[in-house]
């Protein structure tokens, strides 16, 4: 089960999250998300647990609890969605936003 953990302290490490979640079952991976340019934590992480029942138990026990000075949010991670290459969602039809369409 993939678990999303947010509102983390910027000092939280993968090791400390591993220890926290290991109290509820086998943790297969921890990924603290970091800023590409600075290398600092962005305040959220993903924790993978091998057993769904243990993962659900960890979510129910840890959601909205204090960890390293912050109240964390713990939920089931949503599947990653694909982004378009254009950088924004173009809902204006295949001809774009209507610019350069002159009616005489």
PDB file of N, CA and C in Angstrom:
ATOM      1  N   UNK A   1       0.846  -1.178   0.000  1.00  0.00           N
ATOM      2  CA  UNK A   1       0.000   0.000   0.000  1.00  0.00           C
ATOM      3  C   UNK A   1       0.886   1.235   0.000  1.00  0.00           C
ATOM      4  N   UNK A   2       0.560   2.180  -0.885  1.00  0.00           N
ATOM      5  CA  UNK A   2       1.306   3.422  -0.972  1.00  0.00           C
ATOM      6  C   UNK A   2       0.581   4.490  -0.152  1.00  0.00           C
ATOM      7  N   UNK A   3       1.298   5.111   0.761  1.00  0.00           N
ATOM      8  CA  UNK A   3       0.723   6.070   1.710  1.00  0.00           C
ATOM      9  C   UNK A   3       1.354   7.437   1.497  1.00  0.00           C
ATOM     10  N   UNK A   4       0.501   8.469   1.475  1.00  0.00           N
ATOM     11  CA  UNK A   4       0.939   9.853   1.319  1.00  0.00           C
ATOM     12  C   UNK A   4       0.965  10.509   2.690  1.00  0.00           C
ATOM     13  N   UNK A   5       2.092  11.116   3.032  1.00  0.00           N
ATOM     14  CA  UNK A   5       2.251  11.784   4.319  1.00  0.00           C
ATOM     15  C   UNK A   5       2.599  13.246   4.049  1.00  0.00           C
ATOM     16  N   UNK A   6       1.768  14.168   4.550  1.00  0.00           N
ATOM     17  CA  UNK A   6       2.016  15.586   4.305  1.00  0.00           C
ATOM     18  C   UNK A   6       2.097  16.355   5.621  1.00  0.00           C
ATOM     19  N   UNK A   7       2.447  17.630   5.494  1.00  0.00           N
ATOM     20  CA  UNK A   7       2.651  18.541   6.637  1.00  0.00           C
ATOM     21  C   UNK A   7       3.805  18.081   7.514  1.00  0.00           C
ATOM     22  N   UNK A   8       4.815  17.526   6.867  1.00  0.00           N
ATOM     23  CA  UNK A   8       5.998  17.075   7.598  1.00  0.00           C
ATOM     24  C   UNK A   8       6.915  18.248   7.918  1.00  0.00           C
ATOM     25  N   UNK A   9       7.674  18.092   8.979  1.00  0.00           N
ATOM     26  CA  UNK A   9       8.747  19.033   9.276  1.00  0.00           C
ATOM     27  C   UNK A   9       9.760  18.960   8.131  1.00  0.00           C
ATOM     28  N   UNK A  10      10.347  20.089   7.795  1.00  0.00           N
ATOM     29  CA  UNK A  10      11.351  20.086   6.726  1.00  0.00           C
ATOM     30  C   UNK A  10      12.610  19.335   7.139  1.00  0.00           C
ATOM     31  N   UNK A  11      12.727  18.998   8.418  1.00  0.00           N
ATOM     32  CA  UNK A  11      13.877  18.236   8.917  1.00  0.00           C
ATOM     33  C   UNK A  11      13.622  16.733   8.964  1.00  0.00           C
ATOM     34  N   UNK A  12      12.405  16.309   8.626  1.00  0.00           N
ATOM     35  CA  UNK A  12      12.081  14.878   8.668  1.00  0.00           C
ATOM     36  C   UNK A  12      12.918  14.117   7.647  1.00  0.00           C
ATOM     37  N   UNK A  13      13.423  12.976   8.068  1.00  0.00           N
ATOM     38  CA  UNK A  13      14.230  12.134   7.183  1.00  0.00           C
ATOM     39  C   UNK A  13      13.488  10.845   6.856  1.00  0.00           C
ATOM     40  N   UNK A  14      13.970  10.166   5.840  1.00  0.00           N
ATOM     41  CA  UNK A  14      13.413   8.861   5.494  1.00  0.00           C
ATOM     42  C   UNK A  14      13.563   7.871   6.630  1.00  0.00           C
ATOM     43  N   UNK A  15      14.677   7.971   7.345  1.00  0.00           N
ATOM     44  CA  UNK A  15      14.931   7.053   8.454  1.00  0.00           C
ATOM     45  C   UNK A  15      13.924   7.251   9.580  1.00  0.00           C
ATOM     46  N   UNK A  16      13.611   8.511   9.893  1.00  0.00           N
ATOM     47  CA  UNK A  16      12.670   8.751  10.986  1.00  0.00           C
ATOM     48  C   UNK A  16      11.258   8.300  10.607  1.00  0.00           C
ATOM     49  N   UNK A  17      10.873   8.491   9.344  1.00  0.00           N
ATOM     50  CA  UNK A  17       9.568   7.998   8.886  1.00  0.00           C
ATOM     51  C   UNK A  17       9.528   6.480   8.877  1.00  0.00           C
ATOM     52  N   UNK A  18      10.623   5.867   8.471  1.00  0.00           N
ATOM     53  CA  UNK A  18      10.732   4.401   8.476  1.00  0.00           C
ATOM     54  C   UNK A  18      10.467   3.867   9.880  1.00  0.00           C
ATOM     55  N   UNK A  19      11.103   4.486  10.863  1.00  0.00           N
ATOM     56  CA  UNK A  19      10.925   4.052  12.254  1.00  0.00           C
ATOM     57  C   UNK A  19       9.483   4.242  12.717  1.00  0.00           C
ATOM     58  N   UNK A  20       8.875   5.376  12.355  1.00  0.00           N
ATOM     59  CA  UNK A  20       7.505   5.658  12.772  1.00  0.00           C
ATOM     60  C   UNK A  20       6.527   4.626  12.210  1.00  0.00           C
ATOM     61  N   UNK A  21       6.607   4.359  10.913  1.00  0.00           N
ATOM     62  CA  UNK A  21       5.664   3.442  10.278  1.00  0.00           C
ATOM     63  C   UNK A  21       5.964   1.980  10.578  1.00  0.00           C
ATOM     64  N   UNK A  22       7.214   1.662  10.894  1.00  0.00           N
ATOM     65  CA  UNK A  22       7.584   0.275  11.194  1.00  0.00           C
ATOM     66  C   UNK A  22       6.870  -0.244  12.436  1.00  0.00           C
ATOM     67  N   UNK A  23       6.380   0.654  13.279  1.00  0.00           N
ATOM     68  CA  UNK A  23       5.614   0.232  14.456  1.00  0.00           C
ATOM     69  C   UNK A  23       4.308  -0.456  14.057  1.00  0.00           C
ATOM     70  N   UNK A  24       3.875  -0.233  12.802  1.00  0.00           N
ATOM     71  CA  UNK A  24       2.581  -0.767  12.344  1.00  0.00           C
ATOM     72  C   UNK A  24       2.727  -1.881  11.320  1.00  0.00           C
ATOM     73  N   UNK A  25       3.941  -2.191  10.893  1.00  0.00           N
ATOM     74  CA  UNK A  25       4.153  -3.273   9.938  1.00  0.00           C
ATOM     75  C   UNK A  25       5.394  -3.060   9.108  1.00  0.00           C
ATOM     76  N   UNK A  26       5.568  -3.926   8.113  1.00  0.00           N
ATOM     77  CA  UNK A  26       6.762  -3.887   7.271  1.00  0.00           C
ATOM     78  C   UNK A  26       6.702  -2.720   6.290  1.00  0.00           C
ATOM     79  N   UNK A  27       7.718  -1.865   6.350  1.00  0.00           N
ATOM     80  CA  UNK A  27       7.846  -0.736   5.436  1.00  0.00           C
ATOM     81  C   UNK A  27       8.807  -1.149   4.328  1.00  0.00           C
ATOM     82  N   UNK A  28       8.348  -1.099   3.072  1.00  0.00           N
ATOM     83  CA  UNK A  28       9.209  -1.523   1.966  1.00  0.00           C
ATOM     84  C   UNK A  28       9.994  -0.366   1.364  1.00  0.00           C
ATOM     85  N   UNK A  29       9.463   0.872   1.474  1.00  0.00           N
ATOM     86  CA  UNK A  29      10.225   2.026   0.996  1.00  0.00           C
ATOM     87  C   UNK A  29       9.666   3.313   1.582  1.00  0.00           C
ATOM     88  N   UNK A  30      10.541   4.308   1.661  1.00  0.00           N
ATOM     89  CA  UNK A  30      10.166   5.658   2.094  1.00  0.00           C
ATOM     90  C   UNK A  30      10.817   6.628   1.133  1.00  0.00           C
ATOM     91  N   UNK A  31      10.029   7.588   0.642  1.00  0.00           N
ATOM     92  CA  UNK A  31      10.560   8.581  -0.287  1.00  0.00           C
ATOM     93  C   UNK A  31      10.134   9.967   0.176  1.00  0.00           C
ATOM     94  N   UNK A  32      11.058  10.681   0.827  1.00  0.00           N
ATOM     95  CA  UNK A  32      10.809  12.064   1.220  1.00  0.00           C
ATOM     96  C   UNK A  32      11.065  12.913  -0.017  1.00  0.00           C
ATOM     97  N   UNK A  33      10.067  13.671  -0.445  1.00  0.00           N
ATOM     98  CA  UNK A  33      10.185  14.453  -1.676  1.00  0.00           C
ATOM     99  C   UNK A  33      10.983  15.718  -1.399  1.00  0.00           C
ATOM    100  N   UNK A  34      11.995  15.950  -2.250  1.00  0.00           N
ATOM    101  CA  UNK A  34      12.898  17.091  -2.063  1.00  0.00           C
ATOM    102  C   UNK A  34      12.844  18.017  -3.271  1.00  0.00           C
ATOM    103  N   UNK A  35      13.112  19.277  -3.029  1.00  0.00           N
ATOM    104  CA  UNK A  35      13.186  20.270  -4.083  1.00  0.00           C
ATOM    105  C   UNK A  35      14.375  19.951  -4.987  1.00  0.00           C
ATOM    106  N   UNK A  36      14.165  20.002  -6.289  1.00  0.00           N
ATOM    107  CA  UNK A  36      15.230  19.649  -7.241  1.00  0.00           C
ATOM    108  C   UNK A  36      16.429  20.591  -7.151  1.00  0.00           C
ATOM    109  N   UNK A  37      16.166  21.855  -6.924  1.00  0.00           N
ATOM    110  CA  UNK A  37      17.254  22.834  -6.939  1.00  0.00           C
ATOM    111  C   UNK A  37      17.986  22.939  -5.606  1.00  0.00           C
ATOM    112  N   UNK A  38      17.233  22.932  -4.496  1.00  0.00           N
ATOM    113  CA  UNK A  38      17.865  23.133  -3.191  1.00  0.00           C
ATOM    114  C   UNK A  38      18.205  21.837  -2.470  1.00  0.00           C
ATOM    115  N   UNK A  39      17.514  20.752  -2.827  1.00  0.00           N
ATOM    116  CA  UNK A  39      17.730  19.488  -2.140  1.00  0.00           C
ATOM    117  C   UNK A  39      17.043  19.412  -0.786  1.00  0.00           C
ATOM    118  N   UNK A  40      16.291  20.460  -0.421  1.00  0.00           N
ATOM    119  CA  UNK A  40      15.583  20.469   0.860  1.00  0.00           C
ATOM    120  C   UNK A  40      14.229  19.790   0.721  1.00  0.00           C
ATOM    121  N   UNK A  41      13.755  19.248   1.836  1.00  0.00           N
ATOM    122  CA  UNK A  41      12.459  18.584   1.859  1.00  0.00           C
ATOM    123  C   UNK A  41      11.361  19.554   1.463  1.00  0.00           C
ATOM    124  N   UNK A  42      10.354  19.037   0.748  1.00  0.00           N
ATOM    125  CA  UNK A  42       9.194  19.840   0.377  1.00  0.00           C
ATOM    126  C   UNK A  42       8.043  19.645   1.365  1.00  0.00           C
ATOM    127  N   UNK A  43       8.264  18.851   2.416  1.00  0.00           N
ATOM    128  CA  UNK A  43       7.268  18.704   3.472  1.00  0.00           C
ATOM    129  C   UNK A  43       6.282  17.572   3.268  1.00  0.00           C
ATOM    130  N   UNK A  44       6.562  16.691   2.301  1.00  0.00           N
ATOM    131  CA  UNK A  44       5.701  15.520   2.142  1.00  0.00           C
ATOM    132  C   UNK A  44       6.522  14.330   1.689  1.00  0.00           C
ATOM    133  N   UNK A  45       5.906  13.143   1.838  1.00  0.00           N
ATOM    134  CA  UNK A  45       6.626  11.900   1.534  1.00  0.00           C
ATOM    135  C   UNK A  45       5.640  10.805   1.158  1.00  0.00           C
ATOM    136  N   UNK A  46       6.194   9.732   0.614  1.00  0.00           N
ATOM    137  CA  UNK A  46       5.427   8.530   0.312  1.00  0.00           C
ATOM    138  C   UNK A  46       6.058   7.367   1.068  1.00  0.00           C
ATOM    139  N   UNK A  47       5.210   6.590   1.726  1.00  0.00           N
ATOM    140  CA  UNK A  47       5.661   5.417   2.473  1.00  0.00           C
ATOM    141  C   UNK A  47       4.951   4.214   1.872  1.00  0.00           C
ATOM    142  N   UNK A  48       5.708   3.211   1.498  1.00  0.00           N
ATOM    143  CA  UNK A  48       5.146   1.979   0.939  1.00  0.00           C
ATOM    144  C   UNK A  48       5.199   0.900   2.010  1.00  0.00           C
ATOM    145  N   UNK A  49       4.015   0.298   2.260  1.00  0.00           N
ATOM    146  CA  UNK A  49       3.943  -0.807   3.216  1.00  0.00           C
ATOM    147  C   UNK A  49       3.501  -2.062   2.466  1.00  0.00           C
ATOM    148  N   UNK A  50       4.051  -3.205   2.859  1.00  0.00           N
ATOM    149  CA  UNK A  50       3.809  -4.437   2.111  1.00  0.00           C
ATOM    150  C   UNK A  50       2.401  -4.990   2.306  1.00  0.00           C
ATOM    151  N   UNK A  51       1.769  -4.701   3.436  1.00  0.00           N
ATOM    152  CA  UNK A  51       0.461  -5.277   3.745  1.00  0.00           C
ATOM    153  C   UNK A  51      -0.585  -4.163   3.841  1.00  0.00           C
ATOM    154  N   UNK A  52      -1.685  -4.298   3.081  1.00  0.00           N
ATOM    155  CA  UNK A  52      -2.728  -3.272   3.063  1.00  0.00           C
ATOM    156  C   UNK A  52      -3.394  -3.087   4.418  1.00  0.00           C
ATOM    157  N   UNK A  53      -3.606  -4.151   5.149  1.00  0.00           N
ATOM    158  CA  UNK A  53      -4.237  -4.053   6.467  1.00  0.00           C
ATOM    159  C   UNK A  53      -3.337  -3.269   7.422  1.00  0.00           C
ATOM    160  N   UNK A  54      -2.044  -3.569   7.392  1.00  0.00           N
ATOM    161  CA  UNK A  54      -1.098  -2.835   8.232  1.00  0.00           C
ATOM    162  C   UNK A  54      -1.033  -1.370   7.805  1.00  0.00           C
ATOM    163  N   UNK A  55      -1.091  -1.128   6.492  1.00  0.00           N
ATOM    164  CA  UNK A  55      -1.071   0.237   5.986  1.00  0.00           C
ATOM    165  C   UNK A  55      -2.284   1.034   6.440  1.00  0.00           C
ATOM    166  N   UNK A  56      -3.473   0.415   6.361  1.00  0.00           N
ATOM    167  CA  UNK A  56      -4.699   1.075   6.814  1.00  0.00           C
ATOM    168  C   UNK A  56      -4.631   1.368   8.312  1.00  0.00           C
ATOM    169  N   UNK A  57      -4.073   0.445   9.068  1.00  0.00           N
ATOM    170  CA  UNK A  57      -3.922   0.641  10.506  1.00  0.00           C
ATOM    171  C   UNK A  57      -2.986   1.820  10.780  1.00  0.00           C
ATOM    172  N   UNK A  58      -1.885   1.898  10.051  1.00  0.00           N
ATOM    173  CA  UNK A  58      -0.946   3.011  10.217  1.00  0.00           C
ATOM    174  C   UNK A  58      -1.629   4.334   9.887  1.00  0.00           C
ATOM    175  N   UNK A  59      -2.416   4.367   8.817  1.00  0.00           N
ATOM    176  CA  UNK A  59      -3.120   5.594   8.432  1.00  0.00           C
ATOM    177  C   UNK A  59      -4.063   6.026   9.549  1.00  0.00           C
ATOM    178  N   UNK A  60      -4.879   5.092  10.042  1.00  0.00           N
ATOM    179  CA  UNK A  60      -5.867   5.453  11.061  1.00  0.00           C
ATOM    180  C   UNK A  60      -5.207   5.882  12.374  1.00  0.00           C
ATOM    181  N   UNK A  61      -4.075   5.285  12.712  1.00  0.00           N
ATOM    182  CA  UNK A  61      -3.405   5.619  13.971  1.00  0.00           C
ATOM    183  C   UNK A  61      -2.561   6.891  13.871  1.00  0.00           C
ATOM    184  N   UNK A  62      -1.996   7.173  12.683  1.00  0.00           N
ATOM    185  CA  UNK A  62      -1.043   8.286  12.564  1.00  0.00           C
ATOM    186  C   UNK A  62      -1.636   9.571  11.994  1.00  0.00           C
ATOM    187  N   UNK A  63      -2.766   9.490  11.302  1.00  0.00           N
ATOM    188  CA  UNK A  63      -3.337  10.700  10.708  1.00  0.00           C
ATOM    189  C   UNK A  63      -3.683  11.709  11.798  1.00  0.00           C
ATOM    190  N   UNK A  64      -3.281  12.950  11.563  1.00  0.00           N
ATOM    191  CA  UNK A  64      -3.519  14.071  12.472  1.00  0.00           C
ATOM    192  C   UNK A  64      -2.891  13.875  13.848  1.00  0.00           C
ATOM    193  N   UNK A  65      -1.707  13.249  13.855  1.00  0.00           N
ATOM    194  CA  UNK A  65      -0.937  13.132  15.090  1.00  0.00           C
ATOM    195  C   UNK A  65       0.310  13.998  14.959  1.00  0.00           C
ATOM    196  N   UNK A  66       0.938  14.277  16.084  1.00  0.00           N
ATOM    197  CA  UNK A  66       2.143  15.096  16.060  1.00  0.00           C
ATOM    198  C   UNK A  66       3.366  14.226  15.810  1.00  0.00           C
ATOM    199  N   UNK A  67       4.212  14.690  14.901  1.00  0.00           N
ATOM    200  CA  UNK A  67       5.460  13.994  14.589  1.00  0.00           C
ATOM    201  C   UNK A  67       6.521  15.050  14.315  1.00  0.00           C
ATOM    202  N   UNK A  68       7.565  15.020  15.102  1.00  0.00           N
ATOM    203  CA  UNK A  68       8.678  15.964  14.977  1.00  0.00           C
ATOM    204  C   UNK A  68       8.205  17.413  14.968  1.00  0.00           C
ATOM    205  N   UNK A  69       7.238  17.708  15.866  1.00  0.00           N
ATOM    206  CA  UNK A  69       6.787  19.074  16.051  1.00  0.00           C
ATOM    207  C   UNK A  69       5.694  19.561  15.110  1.00  0.00           C
ATOM    208  N   UNK A  70       5.201  18.708  14.214  1.00  0.00           N
ATOM    209  CA  UNK A  70       4.152  19.097  13.276  1.00  0.00           C
ATOM    210  C   UNK A  70       3.014  18.083  13.328  1.00  0.00           C
ATOM    211  N   UNK A  71       1.788  18.554  13.065  1.00  0.00           N
ATOM    212  CA  UNK A  71       0.646  17.648  12.957  1.00  0.00           C
ATOM    213  C   UNK A  71       0.600  17.138  11.522  1.00  0.00           C
ATOM    214  N   UNK A  72       0.832  15.838  11.355  1.00  0.00           N
ATOM    215  CA  UNK A  72       0.931  15.267  10.008  1.00  0.00           C
ATOM    216  C   UNK A  72      -0.421  14.770   9.508  1.00  0.00           C
ATOM    217  N   UNK A  73      -0.551  14.729   8.195  1.00  0.00           N
ATOM    218  CA  UNK A  73      -1.715  14.149   7.531  1.00  0.00           C
ATOM    219  C   UNK A  73      -1.259  12.878   6.836  1.00  0.00           C
ATOM    220  N   UNK A  74      -1.990  11.802   7.031  1.00  0.00           N
ATOM    221  CA  UNK A  74      -1.619  10.502   6.481  1.00  0.00           C
ATOM    222  C   UNK A  74      -2.833   9.927   5.764  1.00  0.00           C
ATOM    223  N   UNK A  75      -2.694   9.675   4.456  1.00  0.00           N
ATOM    224  CA  UNK A  75      -3.794   9.152   3.652  1.00  0.00           C
ATOM    225  C   UNK A  75      -3.267   8.136   2.648  1.00  0.00           C
ATOM    226  N   UNK A  76      -4.196   7.423   2.014  1.00  0.00           N
ATOM    227  CA  UNK A  76      -3.814   6.539   0.916  1.00  0.00           C
ATOM    228  C   UNK A  76      -3.373   7.431  -0.238  1.00  0.00           C
ATOM    229  N   UNK A  77      -2.246   7.108  -0.846  1.00  0.00           N
ATOM    230  CA  UNK A  77      -1.751   7.900  -1.974  1.00  0.00           C
ATOM    231  C   UNK A  77      -2.611   7.651  -3.204  1.00  0.00           C
ATOM    232  N   UNK A  78      -2.917   8.716  -3.922  1.00  0.00           N
ATOM    233  CA  UNK A  78      -3.645   8.580  -5.185  1.00  0.00           C
ATOM    234  C   UNK A  78      -2.660   8.202  -6.279  1.00  0.00           C
ATOM    235  N   UNK A  79      -3.115   7.480  -7.283  1.00  0.00           N
ATOM    236  CA  UNK A  79      -2.223   7.142  -8.397  1.00  0.00           C
ATOM    237  C   UNK A  79      -1.749   8.402  -9.107  1.00  0.00           C
ATOM    238  N   UNK A  80      -0.538   8.377  -9.579  1.00  0.00           N
ATOM    239  CA  UNK A  80       0.028   9.515 -10.292  1.00  0.00           C
ATOM    240  C   UNK A  80      -0.726   9.713 -11.603  1.00  0.00           C
ATOM    241  N   UNK A  81      -1.081  10.952 -11.889  1.00  0.00           N
ATOM    242  CA  UNK A  81      -1.764  11.252 -13.147  1.00  0.00           C
ATOM    243  C   UNK A  81      -0.764  11.824 -14.135  1.00  0.00           C
ATOM    244  N   UNK A  82      -1.025  11.582 -15.411  1.00  0.00           N
ATOM    245  CA  UNK A  82      -0.129  12.100 -16.438  1.00  0.00           C
ATOM    246  C   UNK A  82      -0.405  13.562 -16.672  1.00  0.00           C
ATOM    247  N   UNK A  83       0.658  14.315 -16.908  1.00  0.00           N
ATOM    248  CA  UNK A  83       0.524  15.730 -17.218  1.00  0.00           C
ATOM    249  C   UNK A  83       0.660  15.919 -18.720  1.00  0.00           C
ATOM    250  N   UNK A  84       0.000  16.937 -19.223  1.00  0.00           N
ATOM    251  CA  UNK A  84       0.153  17.238 -20.644  1.00  0.00           C
ATOM    252  C   UNK A  84       1.487  17.932 -20.858  1.00  0.00           C
ATOM    253  N   UNK A  85       2.017  17.847 -22.051  1.00  0.00           N
ATOM    254  CA  UNK A  85       3.300  18.466 -22.358  1.00  0.00           C
ATOM    255  C   UNK A  85       3.223  19.980 -22.439  1.00  0.00           C
ATOM    256  N   UNK A  86       2.029  20.526 -22.627  1.00  0.00           N
ATOM    257  CA  UNK A  86       1.896  21.966 -22.815  1.00  0.00           C
ATOM    258  C   UNK A  86       2.005  22.742 -21.508  1.00  0.00           C
ATOM    259  N   UNK A  87       1.871  22.098 -20.369  1.00  0.00           N
ATOM    260  CA  UNK A  87       1.989  22.777 -19.098  1.00  0.00           C
ATOM    261  C   UNK A  87       0.683  23.328 -18.573  1.00  0.00           C
ATOM    262  N   UNK A  88      -0.367  23.305 -19.357  1.00  0.00           N
ATOM    263  CA  UNK A  88      -1.682  23.704 -18.874  1.00  0.00           C
ATOM    264  C   UNK A  88      -2.739  22.918 -19.604  1.00  0.00           C
ATOM    265  N   UNK A  89      -3.912  22.910 -19.043  1.00  0.00           N
ATOM    266  CA  UNK A  89      -5.005  22.147 -19.628  1.00  0.00           C
ATOM    267  C   UNK A  89      -5.733  23.020 -20.635  1.00  0.00           C
ATOM    268  N   UNK A  90      -5.674  22.673 -21.885  1.00  0.00           N
ATOM    269  CA  UNK A  90      -6.311  23.447 -22.934  1.00  0.00           C
ATOM    270  C   UNK A  90      -7.709  22.893 -23.180  1.00  0.00           C
ATOM    271  N   UNK A  91      -8.702  23.548 -22.582  1.00  0.00           N
ATOM    272  CA  UNK A  91     -10.093  23.127 -22.742  1.00  0.00           C
ATOM    273  C   UNK A  91     -10.827  24.010 -23.742  1.00  0.00           C
ATOM    274  N   UNK A  92     -10.111  24.609 -24.640  1.00  0.00           N
ATOM    275  CA  UNK A  92     -10.720  25.556 -25.561  1.00  0.00           C
ATOM    276  C   UNK A  92     -10.979  24.963 -26.939  1.00  0.00           C
ATOM    277  N   UNK A  93     -10.843  23.699 -27.066  1.00  0.00           N
ATOM    278  CA  UNK A  93     -11.054  23.087 -28.373  1.00  0.00           C
ATOM    279  C   UNK A  93      -9.754  22.967 -29.138  1.00  0.00           C
ATOM    280  N   UNK A  94      -9.830  22.329 -30.287  1.00  0.00           N
ATOM    281  CA  UNK A  94      -8.601  22.046 -31.026  1.00  0.00           C
ATOM    282  C   UNK A  94      -7.983  23.270 -31.676  1.00  0.00           C
ATOM    283  N   UNK A  95      -8.733  24.367 -31.791  1.00  0.00           N
ATOM    284  CA  UNK A  95      -8.198  25.562 -32.426  1.00  0.00           C
ATOM    285  C   UNK A  95      -7.637  26.572 -31.437  1.00  0.00           C
ATOM    286  N   UNK A  96      -7.457  26.204 -30.203  1.00  0.00           N
ATOM    287  CA  UNK A  96      -6.852  27.094 -29.232  1.00  0.00           C
ATOM    288  C   UNK A  96      -7.849  28.046 -28.622  1.00  0.00           C
ATOM    289  N   UNK A  97      -7.351  29.197 -28.203  1.00  0.00           N
ATOM    290  CA  UNK A  97      -8.152  30.139 -27.441  1.00  0.00           C
ATOM    291  C   UNK A  97      -8.940  31.134 -28.242  1.00  0.00           C
ATOM    292  N   UNK A  98      -8.945  31.031 -29.538  1.00  0.00           N
ATOM    293  CA  UNK A  98      -9.756  31.937 -30.331  1.00  0.00           C
ATOM    294  C   UNK A  98      -9.030  33.156 -30.828  1.00  0.00           C
ATOM    295  N   UNK A  99      -7.749  33.281 -30.529  1.00  0.00           N
ATOM    296  CA  UNK A  99      -6.981  34.405 -31.032  1.00  0.00           C
ATOM    297  C   UNK A  99      -6.784  34.280 -32.527  1.00  0.00           C
ATOM    298  N   UNK A 100      -6.699  35.383 -33.183  1.00  0.00           N
ATOM    299  CA  UNK A 100      -6.477  35.452 -34.631  1.00  0.00           C
ATOM    300  C   UNK A 100      -7.620  34.858 -35.427  1.00  0.00           C
ATOM    301  N   UNK A 101      -8.787  34.781 -34.863  1.00  0.00           N
ATOM    302  CA  UNK A 101      -9.978  34.327 -35.596  1.00  0.00           C
ATOM    303  C   UNK A 101     -10.829  35.548 -35.852  1.00  0.00           C
ATOM    304  N   UNK A 102     -10.620  36.168 -36.938  1.00  0.00           N
ATOM    305  CA  UNK A 102     -11.342  37.390 -37.254  1.00  0.00           C
ATOM    306  C   UNK A 102     -12.547  37.069 -38.118  1.00  0.00           C
ATOM    307  N   UNK A 103     -13.630  37.691 -37.769  1.00  0.00           N
ATOM    308  CA  UNK A 103     -14.848  37.539 -38.576  1.00  0.00           C
ATOM    309  C   UNK A 103     -15.157  38.884 -39.203  1.00  0.00           C
ATOM    310  N   UNK A 104     -15.283  38.883 -40.509  1.00  0.00           N
ATOM    311  CA  UNK A 104     -15.561  40.130 -41.235  1.00  0.00           C
ATOM    312  C   UNK A 104     -16.935  40.106 -41.811  1.00  0.00           C
TER     313      UNK A 104
END
